Amino acid sequence: MDGAAEPLYLYEIYKGLFAAIVEPTIRIGSRVEVGPWVQFSHAQMRIRCSAERTCKGSNLRLGLQGNYHWNPSGPIDLWSGVALGYDTSSFSVPSAEVTYSGPDITLQAGFDKNFGGNFWAGLFVVGTGGQYDKLDVRLLNGSGSETLRERALHLWIGFGFRVRVAAPHPAVTN
């Protein structure tokens, strides 16, 4: 928050994010997967709104992705990909709600193990970089929005567990 005497950074506000991601993708052939995705995250906050409770925060990201599956017909399916998206990070303090938003790009990789039929589960890691270009502030007596003049790169590093129900795909031919 550039207007403060000392700049306030998101890492000083957020401890971390707990995310849920939905990816209704389709396969093109057996190795390429494309489609939209949306991620909603609950923010674990460092700042307190009162002695009894922490302030509220969240993060919403959405976009389009493409993944390449390295061994789609094996018992372990390694995959990697890229996603282009839009990121909004919000938090509330006693008299204001602040939202930063802007474009981002994600590199991701993981593996899925087949647990029988069309049921897969595995682990993944993601790295996202972007720049917030818009700031929205809602106060008790009004609201405002502005384009950020001084933009800094922000990074999100994440890992997680995913469950996938996949339609059967054609056999791989080399």
Protein backbone atom coordinates (compact mmCIF):
# COMPACT_ATOMS: atom_id res chain seq x y z
CA MET A 1 0.00 0.00 0.00
CA ASP A 2 2.10 2.81 -1.41
CA GLY A 3 0.37 5.73 0.36
CA ALA A 4 1.49 4.62 3.82
CA ALA A 5 4.53 6.16 5.51
CA GLU A 6 6.06 2.67 5.50
CA PRO A 7 4.96 0.46 2.57
CA LEU A 8 2.79 -2.51 3.59
CA TYR A 9 3.42 -5.74 1.67
CA LEU A 10 1.07 -8.70 1.26
CA TYR A 11 3.53 -11.04 2.99
CA GLU A 12 3.13 -8.81 6.06
CA ILE A 13 -0.65 -9.33 5.91
CA TYR A 14 -1.00 -12.96 4.73
CA LYS A 15 0.61 -15.93 6.51
CA GLY A 16 -0.50 -18.23 3.71
CA LEU A 17 -3.41 -19.36 1.58
CA PHE A 18 -5.56 -22.49 1.71
CA ALA A 19 -6.92 -23.03 -1.81
CA ALA A 20 -9.56 -25.05 -3.63
CA ILE A 21 -9.09 -25.35 -7.41
CA VAL A 22 -11.55 -26.52 -10.07
CA GLU A 23 -10.19 -27.42 -13.53
CA PRO A 24 -12.81 -28.62 -16.05
CA THR A 25 -10.22 -29.45 -18.73
CA ILE A 26 -10.46 -31.56 -21.85
CA ARG A 27 -7.85 -33.76 -23.50
CA ILE A 28 -6.69 -33.18 -27.03
CA GLY A 29 -5.31 -36.56 -28.00
CA SER A 30 -3.79 -38.39 -25.06
CA ARG A 31 -1.02 -36.00 -24.00
CA VAL A 32 -2.39 -32.43 -24.17
CA GLU A 33 -4.94 -31.10 -21.70
CA VAL A 34 -6.47 -27.59 -22.01
CA GLY A 35 -9.20 -25.65 -20.34
CA PRO A 36 -10.23 -23.08 -17.76
CA TRP A 37 -9.46 -23.11 -14.06
CA VAL A 38 -10.60 -21.17 -11.02
CA GLN A 39 -8.98 -21.04 -7.60
CA PHE A 40 -10.52 -19.61 -4.45
CA SER A 41 -8.27 -19.24 -1.41
CA HIS A 42 -8.94 -18.46 2.21
CA ALA A 43 -6.12 -16.31 3.57
CA GLN A 44 -4.49 -17.01 6.89
CA MET A 45 -3.93 -13.50 8.21
CA ARG A 46 -1.11 -11.96 10.24
CA ILE A 47 -3.05 -8.79 11.11
CA ARG A 48 -5.74 -8.65 13.79
CA CYS A 49 -8.97 -6.67 13.59
CA SER A 50 -9.53 -6.95 17.33
CA ALA A 51 -8.03 -8.73 20.31
CA GLU A 52 -10.40 -11.66 19.69
CA ARG A 53 -10.15 -12.15 15.94
CA THR A 54 -7.93 -11.80 12.92
CA CYS A 55 -9.01 -9.78 9.91
CA LYS A 56 -10.48 -11.51 6.84
CA GLY A 57 -8.61 -12.10 3.60
CA SER A 58 -9.01 -14.04 0.37
CA ASN A 59 -7.50 -14.62 -3.03
CA LEU A 60 -9.34 -15.45 -6.26
CA ARG A 61 -7.52 -16.52 -9.41
CA LEU A 62 -8.91 -17.71 -12.75
CA GLY A 63 -7.68 -18.27 -16.26
CA LEU A 64 -6.80 -20.74 -19.01
CA GLN A 65 -4.24 -23.53 -18.81
CA GLY A 66 -2.47 -26.10 -20.94
CA ASN A 67 -0.77 -29.21 -19.56
CA TYR A 68 1.38 -31.86 -21.21
CA HIS A 69 1.11 -35.44 -19.91
CA TRP A 70 4.43 -37.28 -20.24
CA ASN A 71 3.15 -40.83 -19.57
CA PRO A 72 -0.65 -40.72 -19.85
CA SER A 73 -1.17 -44.48 -20.22
CA GLY A 74 1.13 -45.51 -17.37
CA PRO A 75 0.18 -46.11 -13.75
CA ILE A 76 1.87 -42.79 -12.88
CA ASP A 77 1.09 -39.83 -15.15
CA LEU A 78 3.73 -37.08 -14.95
CA TRP A 79 2.50 -33.72 -16.24
CA SER A 80 3.68 -30.12 -16.57
CA GLY A 81 2.08 -26.99 -17.92
CA VAL A 82 1.49 -23.28 -18.06
CA ALA A 83 -1.51 -21.13 -17.14
CA LEU A 84 -2.40 -17.53 -17.87
CA GLY A 85 -4.75 -15.88 -15.45
CA TYR A 86 -6.04 -12.98 -13.43
CA ASP A 87 -5.41 -12.64 -9.70
CA THR A 88 -7.34 -10.69 -7.04
CA SER A 89 -6.12 -10.48 -3.44
CA SER A 90 -8.43 -8.92 -0.85
CA PHE A 91 -8.33 -8.19 2.83
CA SER A 92 -10.52 -6.32 5.30
CA VAL A 93 -9.47 -4.14 8.21
CA PRO A 94 -11.93 -2.46 10.62
CA SER A 95 -12.83 0.48 8.35
CA ALA A 96 -11.75 -0.62 4.86
CA GLU A 97 -11.76 -3.43 2.31
CA VAL A 98 -8.72 -3.47 0.02
CA THR A 99 -8.42 -5.44 -3.25
CA TYR A 100 -5.40 -5.69 -5.53
CA SER A 101 -5.85 -7.26 -8.98
CA GLY A 102 -3.85 -7.97 -12.12
CA PRO A 103 -2.60 -10.57 -14.62
CA ASP A 104 -0.34 -13.51 -13.78
CA ILE A 105 1.39 -16.54 -15.32
CA THR A 106 1.82 -19.93 -13.66
CA LEU A 107 4.24 -22.80 -14.27
CA GLN A 108 3.03 -26.07 -12.80
CA ALA A 109 4.03 -29.73 -12.61
CA GLY A 110 2.98 -32.85 -10.81
CA PHE A 111 2.05 -36.48 -11.03
CA ASP A 112 -1.16 -38.46 -10.80
CA LYS A 113 -1.35 -42.12 -9.79
CA ASN A 114 -4.14 -44.30 -11.12
CA PHE A 115 -6.19 -45.85 -8.32
CA GLY A 116 -8.39 -47.87 -10.67
CA GLY A 117 -10.64 -47.01 -13.56
CA ASN A 118 -10.92 -43.27 -14.13
CA PHE A 119 -9.87 -42.29 -10.58
CA TRP A 120 -6.47 -40.57 -10.24
CA ALA A 121 -4.80 -38.67 -7.39
CA GLY A 122 -1.42 -37.05 -6.96
CA LEU A 123 0.75 -34.16 -5.89
CA PHE A 124 1.63 -30.91 -7.66
CA VAL A 125 3.77 -27.79 -7.31
CA VAL A 126 3.10 -24.36 -8.84
CA GLY A 127 4.99 -21.11 -9.18
CA THR A 128 3.09 -17.98 -10.17
CA GLY A 129 4.37 -14.53 -11.03
CA GLY A 130 2.36 -11.44 -11.80
CA GLN A 131 1.83 -7.75 -11.28
CA TYR A 132 -1.13 -6.12 -9.64
CA ASP A 133 -2.18 -3.19 -11.79
CA LYS A 134 -5.40 -2.09 -10.04
CA LEU A 135 -6.28 -1.13 -6.47
CA ASP A 136 -9.85 -0.92 -5.16
CA VAL A 137 -10.58 0.46 -1.69
CA ARG A 138 -14.01 0.53 0.00
CA LEU A 139 -14.36 2.72 3.07
CA LEU A 140 -17.36 3.28 5.32
CA ASN A 141 -18.10 6.58 3.55
CA GLY A 142 -17.31 5.66 -0.06
CA SER A 143 -15.04 3.75 -2.40
CA GLY A 144 -12.31 4.37 -4.92
CA SER A 145 -10.34 2.63 -7.62
CA GLU A 146 -7.05 3.47 -9.27
CA THR A 147 -4.47 2.11 -11.64
CA LEU A 148 -1.24 1.45 -9.79
CA ARG A 149 1.64 3.56 -11.05
CA GLU A 150 4.45 1.69 -9.32
CA ARG A 151 4.03 -2.03 -9.91
CA ALA A 152 6.15 -4.73 -8.34
CA LEU A 153 6.39 -8.39 -9.28
CA HIS A 154 4.58 -10.70 -6.87
CA LEU A 155 5.22 -14.43 -6.57
CA TRP A 156 3.07 -17.26 -5.23
CA ILE A 157 4.67 -20.65 -4.56
CA GLY A 158 2.31 -23.51 -3.82
CA PHE A 159 1.97 -27.24 -3.56
CA GLY A 160 -0.95 -29.51 -3.02
CA PHE A 161 -2.89 -32.69 -3.48
CA ARG A 162 -5.28 -33.19 -6.36
CA VAL A 163 -7.98 -35.69 -7.21
CA ARG A 164 -8.94 -36.23 -10.83
CA VAL A 165 -11.77 -38.17 -12.41
CA ALA A 166 -10.72 -38.59 -16.02
CA ALA A 167 -12.58 -39.92 -18.99
CA PRO A 168 -10.74 -42.76 -20.73
CA HIS A 169 -8.29 -41.44 -23.32
CA PRO A 170 -6.96 -43.09 -26.44
CA ALA A 171 -3.82 -45.19 -26.25
CA VAL A 172 -0.58 -43.36 -26.83
CA THR A 173 1.19 -43.97 -30.12
CA ASN A 174 4.76 -42.87 -30.57
